[in-house]
């Protein structure tokens, strides 16, 4: 059964409202995640916020975590502490 014009408008309006609600929820969750960081600091570079952790006094080393992992994974595995030794 095809939607009539009013039904199509209603469906489109509900879809837009649902997407707006999800975007708002995602923004709230992102702010909470940043606020709950247990280590490191945030820095803005050209408008992009980056989370980083500093340790040691040697040459800088950049560790990039993969999808689904966090910087804390480097700390809990001991990789971060080993790399920070000078």
C-alpha atoms as a PDB file:
ATOM      1  CA  UNK A   1       0.000   0.000   0.000  1.00  0.00           C
ATOM      2  CA  UNK A   2       1.520   3.284  -1.075  1.00  0.00           C
ATOM      3  CA  UNK A   3       1.691   6.186   1.342  1.00  0.00           C
ATOM      4  CA  UNK A   4      -0.444   9.146   0.462  1.00  0.00           C
ATOM      5  CA  UNK A   5       1.113  12.610   0.435  1.00  0.00           C
ATOM      6  CA  UNK A   6       0.223  13.347   4.093  1.00  0.00           C
ATOM      7  CA  UNK A   7       1.576   9.976   5.199  1.00  0.00           C
ATOM      8  CA  UNK A   8       4.817  10.591   3.338  1.00  0.00           C
ATOM      9  CA  UNK A   9       5.191  14.002   4.996  1.00  0.00           C
ATOM     10  CA  UNK A  10       4.553  12.458   8.406  1.00  0.00           C
ATOM     11  CA  UNK A  11       7.113   9.710   7.766  1.00  0.00           C
ATOM     12  CA  UNK A  12       9.691  12.258   6.595  1.00  0.00           C
ATOM     13  CA  UNK A  13       9.059  14.473   9.611  1.00  0.00           C
ATOM     14  CA  UNK A  14       9.388  11.561  12.030  1.00  0.00           C
ATOM     15  CA  UNK A  15      12.620  10.482  10.330  1.00  0.00           C
ATOM     16  CA  UNK A  16      14.108  13.965  10.644  1.00  0.00           C
ATOM     17  CA  UNK A  17      13.055  14.157  14.307  1.00  0.00           C
ATOM     18  CA  UNK A  18      14.598  10.747  15.026  1.00  0.00           C
ATOM     19  CA  UNK A  19      17.880  11.717  13.342  1.00  0.00           C
ATOM     20  CA  UNK A  20      18.002  14.993  15.289  1.00  0.00           C
ATOM     21  CA  UNK A  21      17.401  13.129  18.555  1.00  0.00           C
ATOM     22  CA  UNK A  22      20.173  10.640  17.747  1.00  0.00           C
ATOM     23  CA  UNK A  23      22.584  13.449  16.859  1.00  0.00           C
ATOM     24  CA  UNK A  24      21.829  15.172  20.165  1.00  0.00           C
ATOM     25  CA  UNK A  25      22.300  11.939  22.088  1.00  0.00           C
ATOM     26  CA  UNK A  26      25.620  11.324  20.325  1.00  0.00           C
ATOM     27  CA  UNK A  27      26.846  14.841  21.203  1.00  0.00           C
ATOM     28  CA  UNK A  28      25.981  14.301  24.875  1.00  0.00           C
ATOM     29  CA  UNK A  29      27.778  10.941  24.929  1.00  0.00           C
ATOM     30  CA  UNK A  30      30.874  12.469  23.291  1.00  0.00           C
ATOM     31  CA  UNK A  31      31.045  15.236  25.918  1.00  0.00           C
ATOM     32  CA  UNK A  32      30.699  12.674  28.707  1.00  0.00           C
ATOM     33  CA  UNK A  33      33.454  10.518  27.188  1.00  0.00           C
ATOM     34  CA  UNK A  34      35.859  13.458  27.030  1.00  0.00           C
ATOM     35  CA  UNK A  35      35.000  14.469  30.599  1.00  0.00           C
ATOM     36  CA  UNK A  36      35.696  10.943  31.866  1.00  0.00           C
ATOM     37  CA  UNK A  37      39.213  10.599  30.431  1.00  0.00           C
ATOM     38  CA  UNK A  38      41.370   9.071  33.143  1.00  0.00           C
ATOM     39  CA  UNK A  39      44.743  10.161  31.819  1.00  0.00           C
ATOM     40  CA  UNK A  40      46.271  12.632  29.446  1.00  0.00           C
ATOM     41  CA  UNK A  41      45.212  16.024  28.203  1.00  0.00           C
ATOM     42  CA  UNK A  42      43.279  17.574  25.334  1.00  0.00           C
ATOM     43  CA  UNK A  43      44.781  19.996  22.803  1.00  0.00           C
ATOM     44  CA  UNK A  44      43.145  21.822  19.893  1.00  0.00           C
ATOM     45  CA  UNK A  45      45.124  21.991  16.647  1.00  0.00           C
ATOM     46  CA  UNK A  46      43.446  23.799  13.744  1.00  0.00           C
ATOM     47  CA  UNK A  47      40.089  23.256  15.424  1.00  0.00           C
ATOM     48  CA  UNK A  48      40.612  19.515  15.910  1.00  0.00           C
ATOM     49  CA  UNK A  49      40.649  18.285  19.519  1.00  0.00           C
ATOM     50  CA  UNK A  50      43.315  15.679  20.200  1.00  0.00           C
ATOM     51  CA  UNK A  51      43.781  13.571  23.321  1.00  0.00           C
ATOM     52  CA  UNK A  52      47.394  12.821  24.203  1.00  0.00           C
ATOM     53  CA  UNK A  53      49.545  11.444  26.999  1.00  0.00           C
ATOM     54  CA  UNK A  54      53.101  12.598  27.708  1.00  0.00           C
ATOM     55  CA  UNK A  55      55.814  10.709  29.582  1.00  0.00           C
ATOM     56  CA  UNK A  56      59.583  10.424  29.564  1.00  0.00           C
ATOM     57  CA  UNK A  57      62.192  12.893  28.359  1.00  0.00           C
ATOM     58  CA  UNK A  58      63.535  11.246  25.207  1.00  0.00           C
ATOM     59  CA  UNK A  59      62.632  11.723  21.565  1.00  0.00           C
ATOM     60  CA  UNK A  60      58.893  11.975  20.901  1.00  0.00           C
ATOM     61  CA  UNK A  61      57.146   8.748  19.951  1.00  0.00           C
ATOM     62  CA  UNK A  62      53.642   8.675  18.513  1.00  0.00           C
ATOM     63  CA  UNK A  63      51.551   5.594  19.299  1.00  0.00           C
ATOM     64  CA  UNK A  64      48.315   5.328  17.318  1.00  0.00           C
ATOM     65  CA  UNK A  65      45.658   2.998  18.614  1.00  0.00           C
ATOM     66  CA  UNK A  66      43.442   1.096  16.235  1.00  0.00           C
ATOM     67  CA  UNK A  67      39.711   0.918  15.817  1.00  0.00           C
ATOM     68  CA  UNK A  68      38.003  -0.211  18.985  1.00  0.00           C
ATOM     69  CA  UNK A  69      40.979   0.378  21.248  1.00  0.00           C
ATOM     70  CA  UNK A  70      42.002   3.300  23.451  1.00  0.00           C
ATOM     71  CA  UNK A  71      45.182   4.961  24.678  1.00  0.00           C
ATOM     72  CA  UNK A  72      44.552   3.274  28.031  1.00  0.00           C
ATOM     73  CA  UNK A  73      45.166  -0.069  26.291  1.00  0.00           C
ATOM     74  CA  UNK A  74      48.811   0.967  25.760  1.00  0.00           C
ATOM     75  CA  UNK A  75      49.083   1.776  29.469  1.00  0.00           C
ATOM     76  CA  UNK A  76      47.456  -1.422  30.732  1.00  0.00           C
ATOM     77  CA  UNK A  77      49.595  -3.612  28.452  1.00  0.00           C
ATOM     78  CA  UNK A  78      52.844  -1.983  29.623  1.00  0.00           C
ATOM     79  CA  UNK A  79      53.765  -0.748  26.133  1.00  0.00           C
ATOM     80  CA  UNK A  80      53.420   2.905  27.164  1.00  0.00           C
ATOM     81  CA  UNK A  81      55.597   2.565  30.271  1.00  0.00           C
ATOM     82  CA  UNK A  82      58.272   0.655  28.356  1.00  0.00           C
ATOM     83  CA  UNK A  83      58.344   3.258  25.573  1.00  0.00           C
ATOM     84  CA  UNK A  84      58.541   6.116  28.110  1.00  0.00           C
ATOM     85  CA  UNK A  85      61.770   4.808  29.648  1.00  0.00           C
ATOM     86  CA  UNK A  86      64.740   7.025  28.858  1.00  0.00           C
END
